[in-house]
All heavy atoms as atom14 arrays in JSON, in Angstrom:
{
  "sequence": "FLGQNFAKAFNIKFLDKDGAQKYVYTSSWGVSTRLIGA",
  "atom14_mask": [
    [1, 1, 1, 1, 1, 1, 1, 1, 1, 1, 1, 0, 0, 0],
    [1, 1, 1, 1, 1, 1, 1, 1, 0, 0, 0, 0, 0, 0],
    [1, 1, 1, 1, 0, 0, 0, 0, 0, 0, 0, 0, 0, 0],
    [1, 1, 1, 1, 1, 1, 1, 1, 1, 0, 0, 0, 0, 0],
    [1, 1, 1, 1, 1, 1, 1, 1, 0, 0, 0, 0, 0, 0],
    [1, 1, 1, 1, 1, 1, 1, 1, 1, 1, 1, 0, 0, 0],
    [1, 1, 1, 1, 1, 0, 0, 0, 0, 0, 0, 0, 0, 0],
    [1, 1, 1, 1, 1, 1, 1, 1, 1, 0, 0, 0, 0, 0],
    [1, 1, 1, 1, 1, 0, 0, 0, 0, 0, 0, 0, 0, 0],
    [1, 1, 1, 1, 1, 1, 1, 1, 1, 1, 1, 0, 0, 0],
    [1, 1, 1, 1, 1, 1, 1, 1, 0, 0, 0, 0, 0, 0],
    [1, 1, 1, 1, 1, 1, 1, 1, 0, 0, 0, 0, 0, 0],
    [1, 1, 1, 1, 1, 1, 1, 1, 1, 0, 0, 0, 0, 0],
    [1, 1, 1, 1, 1, 1, 1, 1, 1, 1, 1, 0, 0, 0],
    [1, 1, 1, 1, 1, 1, 1, 1, 0, 0, 0, 0, 0, 0],
    [1, 1, 1, 1, 1, 1, 1, 1, 0, 0, 0, 0, 0, 0],
    [1, 1, 1, 1, 1, 1, 1, 1, 1, 0, 0, 0, 0, 0],
    [1, 1, 1, 1, 1, 1, 1, 1, 0, 0, 0, 0, 0, 0],
    [1, 1, 1, 1, 0, 0, 0, 0, 0, 0, 0, 0, 0, 0],
    [1, 1, 1, 1, 1, 0, 0, 0, 0, 0, 0, 0, 0, 0],
    [1, 1, 1, 1, 1, 1, 1, 1, 1, 0, 0, 0, 0, 0],
    [1, 1, 1, 1, 1, 1, 1, 1, 1, 0, 0, 0, 0, 0],
    [1, 1, 1, 1, 1, 1, 1, 1, 1, 1, 1, 1, 0, 0],
    [1, 1, 1, 1, 1, 1, 1, 0, 0, 0, 0, 0, 0, 0],
    [1, 1, 1, 1, 1, 1, 1, 1, 1, 1, 1, 1, 0, 0],
    [1, 1, 1, 1, 1, 1, 1, 0, 0, 0, 0, 0, 0, 0],
    [1, 1, 1, 1, 1, 1, 0, 0, 0, 0, 0, 0, 0, 0],
    [1, 1, 1, 1, 1, 1, 0, 0, 0, 0, 0, 0, 0, 0],
    [1, 1, 1, 1, 1, 1, 1, 1, 1, 1, 1, 1, 1, 1],
    [1, 1, 1, 1, 0, 0, 0, 0, 0, 0, 0, 0, 0, 0],
    [1, 1, 1, 1, 1, 1, 1, 0, 0, 0, 0, 0, 0, 0],
    [1, 1, 1, 1, 1, 1, 0, 0, 0, 0, 0, 0, 0, 0],
    [1, 1, 1, 1, 1, 1, 1, 0, 0, 0, 0, 0, 0, 0],
    [1, 1, 1, 1, 1, 1, 1, 1, 1, 1, 1, 0, 0, 0],
    [1, 1, 1, 1, 1, 1, 1, 1, 0, 0, 0, 0, 0, 0],
    [1, 1, 1, 1, 1, 1, 1, 1, 0, 0, 0, 0, 0, 0],
    [1, 1, 1, 1, 0, 0, 0, 0, 0, 0, 0, 0, 0, 0],
    [1, 1, 1, 1, 1, 0, 0, 0, 0, 0, 0, 0, 0, 0]
  ],
  "atom14_positions": [
    [[-14.9, 6.19, -39.68], [-14.71, 7.25, -40.67], [-13.88, 8.32, -39.99], [-14.32, 8.94, -39.01], [-16.06, 7.8, -41.14], [-15.94, 9.03, -41.98], [-15.29, 8.99, -43.2], [-16.48, 10.24, -41.55], [-15.16, 10.13, -43.98], [-16.37, 11.38, -42.33], [-15.7, 11.33, -43.55], [0.0, 0.0, 0.0], [0.0, 0.0, 0.0], [0.0, 0.0, 0.0]],
    [[-12.67, 8.52, -40.47], [-11.73, 9.43, -39.82], [-11.74, 10.83, -40.41], [-11.03, 11.72, -39.92], [-10.31, 8.86, -39.89], [-10.14, 7.44, -39.31], [-8.7, 6.96, -39.51], [-10.52, 7.39, -37.84], [0.0, 0.0, 0.0], [0.0, 0.0, 0.0], [0.0, 0.0, 0.0], [0.0, 0.0, 0.0], [0.0, 0.0, 0.0], [0.0, 0.0, 0.0]],
    [[-12.54, 11.03, -41.48], [-12.58, 12.34, -42.12], [-11.19, 12.76, -42.58], [-10.44, 11.96, -43.15], [0.0, 0.0, 0.0], [0.0, 0.0, 0.0], [0.0, 0.0, 0.0], [0.0, 0.0, 0.0], [0.0, 0.0, 0.0], [0.0, 0.0, 0.0], [0.0, 0.0, 0.0], [0.0, 0.0, 0.0], [0.0, 0.0, 0.0], [0.0, 0.0, 0.0]],
    [[-10.83, 14.01, -42.29], [-9.48, 14.52, -42.63], [-8.63, 14.75, -41.39], [-7.57, 15.39, -41.46], [-9.61, 15.82, -43.43], [-10.25, 15.63, -44.79], [-10.35, 16.93, -45.57], [-10.68, 17.98, -45.0], [-10.08, 16.89, -46.87], [0.0, 0.0, 0.0], [0.0, 0.0, 0.0], [0.0, 0.0, 0.0], [0.0, 0.0, 0.0], [0.0, 0.0, 0.0]],
    [[-9.08, 14.2, -40.25], [-8.35, 14.45, -38.99], [-6.9, 14.01, -39.06], [-5.98, 14.76, -38.72], [-9.06, 13.75, -37.83], [-10.39, 14.4, -37.49], [-10.71, 15.47, -37.99], [-11.17, 13.76, -36.65], [0.0, 0.0, 0.0], [0.0, 0.0, 0.0], [0.0, 0.0, 0.0], [0.0, 0.0, 0.0], [0.0, 0.0, 0.0], [0.0, 0.0, 0.0]],
    [[-6.67, 12.77, -39.49], [-5.3, 12.27, -39.55], [-4.58, 12.79, -40.8], [-3.35, 12.93, -40.8], [-5.29, 10.75, -39.51], [-5.62, 10.2, -38.15], [-6.94, 9.94, -37.79], [-4.63, 9.97, -37.21], [-7.27, 9.46, -36.54], [-4.93, 9.5, -35.95], [-6.25, 9.24, -35.6], [0.0, 0.0, 0.0], [0.0, 0.0, 0.0], [0.0, 0.0, 0.0]],
    [[-5.33, 13.07, -41.85], [-4.72, 13.64, -43.05], [-4.09, 15.0, -42.74], [-2.97, 15.31, -43.18], [-5.77, 13.78, -44.15], [0.0, 0.0, 0.0], [0.0, 0.0, 0.0], [0.0, 0.0, 0.0], [0.0, 0.0, 0.0], [0.0, 0.0, 0.0], [0.0, 0.0, 0.0], [0.0, 0.0, 0.0], [0.0, 0.0, 0.0], [0.0, 0.0, 0.0]],
    [[-4.8, 15.82, -41.97], [-4.27, 17.14, -41.62], [-3.14, 17.02, -40.59], [-2.17, 17.77, -40.64], [-5.4, 18.02, -41.09], [-6.4, 18.41, -42.18], [-7.52, 19.29, -41.64], [-8.47, 19.68, -42.77], [-9.6, 20.5, -42.29], [0.0, 0.0, 0.0], [0.0, 0.0, 0.0], [0.0, 0.0, 0.0], [0.0, 0.0, 0.0], [0.0, 0.0, 0.0]],
    [[-3.26, 16.05, -39.68], [-2.21, 15.87, -38.67], [-0.91, 15.42, -39.31], [0.18, 15.81, -38.85], [-2.67, 14.86, -37.62], [0.0, 0.0, 0.0], [0.0, 0.0, 0.0], [0.0, 0.0, 0.0], [0.0, 0.0, 0.0], [0.0, 0.0, 0.0], [0.0, 0.0, 0.0], [0.0, 0.0, 0.0], [0.0, 0.0, 0.0], [0.0, 0.0, 0.0]],
    [[-1.0, 14.63, -40.38], [0.21, 14.08, -41.01], [0.45, 14.62, -42.42], [1.29, 14.11, -43.15], [0.13, 12.55, -41.03], [0.31, 11.95, -39.67], [-0.78, 11.74, -38.84], [1.57, 11.64, -39.19], [-0.62, 11.21, -37.57], [1.75, 11.12, -37.92], [0.65, 10.9, -37.09], [0.0, 0.0, 0.0], [0.0, 0.0, 0.0], [0.0, 0.0, 0.0]],
    [[-0.3, 15.66, -42.77], [-0.1, 16.36, -44.04], [-0.19, 15.41, -45.24], [0.68, 15.39, -46.11], [1.24, 17.1, -44.04], [1.29, 18.2, -45.08], [0.28, 18.85, -45.35], [2.46, 18.41, -45.68], [0.0, 0.0, 0.0], [0.0, 0.0, 0.0], [0.0, 0.0, 0.0], [0.0, 0.0, 0.0], [0.0, 0.0, 0.0], [0.0, 0.0, 0.0]],
    [[-1.25, 14.62, -45.28], [-1.47, 13.7, -46.39], [-2.28, 14.43, -47.45], [-3.51, 14.52, -47.38], [-2.21, 12.43, -45.94], [-1.61, 11.85, -44.65], [-2.16, 11.36, -47.04], [-2.41, 10.71, -44.05], [0.0, 0.0, 0.0], [0.0, 0.0, 0.0], [0.0, 0.0, 0.0], [0.0, 0.0, 0.0], [0.0, 0.0, 0.0], [0.0, 0.0, 0.0]],
    [[-1.57, 14.99, -48.44], [-2.19, 15.78, -49.48], [-1.98, 15.12, -50.84], [-1.05, 14.34, -51.03], [-1.61, 17.19, -49.52], [-1.99, 18.08, -48.35], [-1.39, 19.46, -48.53], [-1.81, 20.42, -47.43], [-1.21, 21.76, -47.63], [0.0, 0.0, 0.0], [0.0, 0.0, 0.0], [0.0, 0.0, 0.0], [0.0, 0.0, 0.0], [0.0, 0.0, 0.0]],
    [[-2.86, 15.49, -51.78], [-2.7, 15.0, -53.15], [-3.07, 16.12, -54.12], [-3.88, 17.01, -53.79], [-3.56, 13.77, -53.39], [-5.04, 14.03, -53.42], [-5.73, 14.13, -54.62], [-5.76, 14.19, -52.23], [-7.09, 14.38, -54.65], [-7.13, 14.42, -52.25], [-7.8, 14.52, -53.47], [0.0, 0.0, 0.0], [0.0, 0.0, 0.0], [0.0, 0.0, 0.0]],
    [[-2.49, 16.07, -55.31], [-2.83, 17.0, -56.37], [-4.02, 16.45, -57.12], [-3.93, 15.4, -57.76], [-1.64, 17.19, -57.32], [-1.82, 18.23, -58.43], [-1.93, 19.64, -57.83], [-0.65, 18.16, -59.42], [0.0, 0.0, 0.0], [0.0, 0.0, 0.0], [0.0, 0.0, 0.0], [0.0, 0.0, 0.0], [0.0, 0.0, 0.0], [0.0, 0.0, 0.0]],
    [[-5.15, 17.14, -57.04], [-6.38, 16.65, -57.65], [-6.42, 16.99, -59.15], [-5.57, 17.73, -59.66], [-7.59, 17.25, -56.93], [-8.84, 16.38, -57.06], [-8.81, 15.39, -57.81], [-9.85, 16.69, -56.38], [0.0, 0.0, 0.0], [0.0, 0.0, 0.0], [0.0, 0.0, 0.0], [0.0, 0.0, 0.0], [0.0, 0.0, 0.0], [0.0, 0.0, 0.0]],
    [[-7.43, 16.49, -59.82], [-7.57, 16.69, -61.26], [-7.71, 18.17, -61.61], [-7.34, 18.61, -62.72], [-8.79, 15.94, -61.78], [-8.65, 14.42, -61.72], [-9.93, 13.74, -62.2], [-9.81, 12.22, -62.07], [-11.06, 11.53, -62.51], [0.0, 0.0, 0.0], [0.0, 0.0, 0.0], [0.0, 0.0, 0.0], [0.0, 0.0, 0.0], [0.0, 0.0, 0.0]],
    [[-8.25, 18.95, -60.68], [-8.44, 20.38, -60.94], [-7.19, 21.22, -60.65], [-7.22, 22.45, -60.7], [-9.62, 20.92, -60.14], [-9.44, 20.75, -58.63], [-8.34, 20.35, -58.2], [-10.41, 21.0, -57.89], [0.0, 0.0, 0.0], [0.0, 0.0, 0.0], [0.0, 0.0, 0.0], [0.0, 0.0, 0.0], [0.0, 0.0, 0.0], [0.0, 0.0, 0.0]],
    [[-6.09, 20.53, -60.31], [-4.83, 21.22, -60.05], [-4.67, 21.74, -58.64], [-3.65, 22.39, -58.33], [0.0, 0.0, 0.0], [0.0, 0.0, 0.0], [0.0, 0.0, 0.0], [0.0, 0.0, 0.0], [0.0, 0.0, 0.0], [0.0, 0.0, 0.0], [0.0, 0.0, 0.0], [0.0, 0.0, 0.0], [0.0, 0.0, 0.0], [0.0, 0.0, 0.0]],
    [[-5.64, 21.46, -57.77], [-5.57, 21.95, -56.39], [-5.01, 20.87, -55.45], [-5.24, 19.68, -55.65], [-6.96, 22.37, -55.92], [0.0, 0.0, 0.0], [0.0, 0.0, 0.0], [0.0, 0.0, 0.0], [0.0, 0.0, 0.0], [0.0, 0.0, 0.0], [0.0, 0.0, 0.0], [0.0, 0.0, 0.0], [0.0, 0.0, 0.0], [0.0, 0.0, 0.0]],
    [[-4.25, 21.33, -54.46], [-3.77, 20.44, -53.42], [-4.89, 20.23, -52.39], [-5.46, 21.18, -51.89], [-2.54, 21.05, -52.73], [-1.27, 21.02, -53.56], [-0.61, 19.66, -53.56], [-0.86, 18.84, -52.68], [0.23, 19.42, -54.56], [0.0, 0.0, 0.0], [0.0, 0.0, 0.0], [0.0, 0.0, 0.0], [0.0, 0.0, 0.0], [0.0, 0.0, 0.0]],
    [[-5.17, 18.97, -52.08], [-6.26, 18.65, -51.16], [-5.82, 17.58, -50.17], [-4.96, 16.76, -50.47], [-7.5, 18.16, -51.93], [-8.06, 19.17, -52.91], [-9.23, 18.6, -53.7], [-9.75, 19.62, -54.71], [-10.86, 19.05, -55.53], [0.0, 0.0, 0.0], [0.0, 0.0, 0.0], [0.0, 0.0, 0.0], [0.0, 0.0, 0.0], [0.0, 0.0, 0.0]],
    [[-6.45, 17.62, -49.0], [-6.23, 16.56, -48.02], [-7.08, 15.34, -48.38], [-8.22, 15.48, -48.85], [-6.61, 17.03, -46.61], [-5.66, 18.04, -46.02], [-6.02, 19.38, -45.91], [-4.41, 17.64, -45.55], [-5.15, 20.32, -45.36], [-3.53, 18.57, -45.0], [-3.9, 19.9, -44.91], [-3.03, 20.82, -44.37], [0.0, 0.0, 0.0], [0.0, 0.0, 0.0]],
    [[-6.54, 14.16, -48.13], [-7.31, 12.93, -48.34], [-8.31, 12.75, -47.21], [-8.26, 13.44, -46.18], [-6.39, 11.69, -48.42], [-5.37, 11.82, -49.54], [-5.71, 11.42, -47.07], [0.0, 0.0, 0.0], [0.0, 0.0, 0.0], [0.0, 0.0, 0.0], [0.0, 0.0, 0.0], [0.0, 0.0, 0.0], [0.0, 0.0, 0.0], [0.0, 0.0, 0.0]],
    [[-9.21, 11.83, -47.39], [-10.12, 11.35, -46.34], [-9.74, 9.91, -46.03], [-9.43, 9.13, -46.95], [-11.57, 11.41, -46.8], [-12.11, 12.81, -46.98], [-11.88, 13.51, -48.16], [-12.84, 13.44, -45.96], [-12.37, 14.8, -48.33], [-13.33, 14.73, -46.12], [-13.09, 15.4, -47.31], [-13.57, 16.68, -47.47], [0.0, 0.0, 0.0], [0.0, 0.0, 0.0]],
    [[-9.75, 9.53, -44.76], [-9.28, 8.19, -44.4], [-10.32, 7.42, -43.59], [-11.25, 7.98, -43.01], [-7.96, 8.25, -43.59], [-8.19, 8.94, -42.36], [-6.87, 8.93, -44.39], [0.0, 0.0, 0.0], [0.0, 0.0, 0.0], [0.0, 0.0, 0.0], [0.0, 0.0, 0.0], [0.0, 0.0, 0.0], [0.0, 0.0, 0.0], [0.0, 0.0, 0.0]],
    [[-10.11, 6.1, -43.58], [-10.93, 5.21, -42.74], [-10.0, 4.2, -42.08], [-8.88, 3.98, -42.54], [-11.97, 4.47, -43.6], [-11.39, 3.35, -44.26], [0.0, 0.0, 0.0], [0.0, 0.0, 0.0], [0.0, 0.0, 0.0], [0.0, 0.0, 0.0], [0.0, 0.0, 0.0], [0.0, 0.0, 0.0], [0.0, 0.0, 0.0], [0.0, 0.0, 0.0]],
    [[-10.49, 3.6, -41.02], [-9.79, 2.45, -40.42], [-10.83, 1.52, -39.84], [-11.93, 1.94, -39.46], [-8.79, 2.89, -39.34], [-9.45, 3.44, -38.21], [0.0, 0.0, 0.0], [0.0, 0.0, 0.0], [0.0, 0.0, 0.0], [0.0, 0.0, 0.0], [0.0, 0.0, 0.0], [0.0, 0.0, 0.0], [0.0, 0.0, 0.0], [0.0, 0.0, 0.0]],
    [[-10.49, 0.22, -39.79], [-11.45, -0.79, -39.35], [-10.71, -2.03, -38.87], [-9.61, -2.33, -39.34], [-12.44, -1.14, -40.48], [-11.86, -1.02, -41.87], [-11.84, 0.1, -42.66], [-11.19, -2.04, -42.62], [-11.21, -0.16, -43.85], [-10.81, -1.47, -43.87], [-10.88, -3.37, -42.37], [-10.12, -2.17, -44.85], [-10.2, -4.1, -43.36], [-9.84, -3.5, -44.58]],
    [[-11.27, -2.73, -37.89], [-10.55, -3.88, -37.36], [-11.39, -4.83, -36.54], [-12.41, -4.45, -35.96], [0.0, 0.0, 0.0], [0.0, 0.0, 0.0], [0.0, 0.0, 0.0], [0.0, 0.0, 0.0], [0.0, 0.0, 0.0], [0.0, 0.0, 0.0], [0.0, 0.0, 0.0], [0.0, 0.0, 0.0], [0.0, 0.0, 0.0], [0.0, 0.0, 0.0]],
    [[-10.96, -6.07, -36.52], [-11.46, -7.09, -35.6], [-10.25, -7.83, -35.03], [-9.15, -7.77, -35.59], [-12.41, -8.1, -36.28], [-13.66, -7.43, -36.79], [-11.7, -8.87, -37.41], [0.0, 0.0, 0.0], [0.0, 0.0, 0.0], [0.0, 0.0, 0.0], [0.0, 0.0, 0.0], [0.0, 0.0, 0.0], [0.0, 0.0, 0.0], [0.0, 0.0, 0.0]],
    [[-10.45, -8.54, -33.94], [-9.32, -9.14, -33.24], [-9.64, -10.55, -32.74], [-10.72, -11.09, -33.01], [-8.94, -8.26, -32.04], [-9.91, -8.4, -31.0], [0.0, 0.0, 0.0], [0.0, 0.0, 0.0], [0.0, 0.0, 0.0], [0.0, 0.0, 0.0], [0.0, 0.0, 0.0], [0.0, 0.0, 0.0], [0.0, 0.0, 0.0], [0.0, 0.0, 0.0]],
    [[-8.69, -11.11, -32.0], [-8.89, -12.41, -31.38], [-10.02, -12.39, -30.37], [-10.42, -13.45, -29.86], [-7.59, -12.9, -30.69], [-6.93, -11.79, -30.05], [-6.62, -13.52, -31.69], [0.0, 0.0, 0.0], [0.0, 0.0, 0.0], [0.0, 0.0, 0.0], [0.0, 0.0, 0.0], [0.0, 0.0, 0.0], [0.0, 0.0, 0.0], [0.0, 0.0, 0.0]],
    [[-10.57, -11.23, -30.1], [-11.78, -11.12, -29.28], [-12.92, -11.93, -29.91], [-13.84, -12.38, -29.21], [-12.16, -9.65, -29.15], [-13.51, -9.37, -28.55], [-13.72, -7.89, -28.39], [-13.26, -7.49, -27.07], [-13.93, -6.65, -26.27], [-15.06, -6.13, -26.66], [-13.46, -6.33, -25.09], [0.0, 0.0, 0.0], [0.0, 0.0, 0.0], [0.0, 0.0, 0.0]],
    [[-12.88, -12.13, -31.23], [-13.91, -12.9, -31.91], [-13.96, -14.34, -31.38], [-15.02, -14.97, -31.41], [-13.66, -12.92, -33.42], [-13.89, -11.61, -34.16], [-13.52, -11.75, -35.63], [-15.34, -11.14, -34.02], [0.0, 0.0, 0.0], [0.0, 0.0, 0.0], [0.0, 0.0, 0.0], [0.0, 0.0, 0.0], [0.0, 0.0, 0.0], [0.0, 0.0, 0.0]],
    [[-12.83, -14.85, -30.92], [-12.84, -16.21, -30.35], [-13.62, -16.2, -29.04], [-14.39, -17.12, -28.75], [-11.4, -16.73, -30.14], [-10.66, -16.77, -31.49], [-11.42, -18.12, -29.49], [-9.21, -17.19, -31.4], [0.0, 0.0, 0.0], [0.0, 0.0, 0.0], [0.0, 0.0, 0.0], [0.0, 0.0, 0.0], [0.0, 0.0, 0.0], [0.0, 0.0, 0.0]],
    [[-13.46, -15.14, -28.26], [-14.28, -14.99, -27.06], [-15.75, -14.92, -27.4], [-16.6, -15.48, -26.7], [0.0, 0.0, 0.0], [0.0, 0.0, 0.0], [0.0, 0.0, 0.0], [0.0, 0.0, 0.0], [0.0, 0.0, 0.0], [0.0, 0.0, 0.0], [0.0, 0.0, 0.0], [0.0, 0.0, 0.0], [0.0, 0.0, 0.0], [0.0, 0.0, 0.0]],
    [[-16.07, -14.23, -28.51], [-17.46, -14.15, -28.95], [-18.02, -15.52, -29.28], [-19.15, -15.86, -28.92], [-17.57, -13.22, -30.16], [0.0, 0.0, 0.0], [0.0, 0.0, 0.0], [0.0, 0.0, 0.0], [0.0, 0.0, 0.0], [0.0, 0.0, 0.0], [0.0, 0.0, 0.0], [0.0, 0.0, 0.0], [0.0, 0.0, 0.0], [0.0, 0.0, 0.0]]
  ]
}
């Protein structure tokens, strides 16, 4: 859960339904070939 850390760093904003500019909230997730080792 990345919160708004990267949104603020890269100015990822959107115009919301209430007419206000807001930062998005982001996530990231991953698995790798390490699973073969598992």
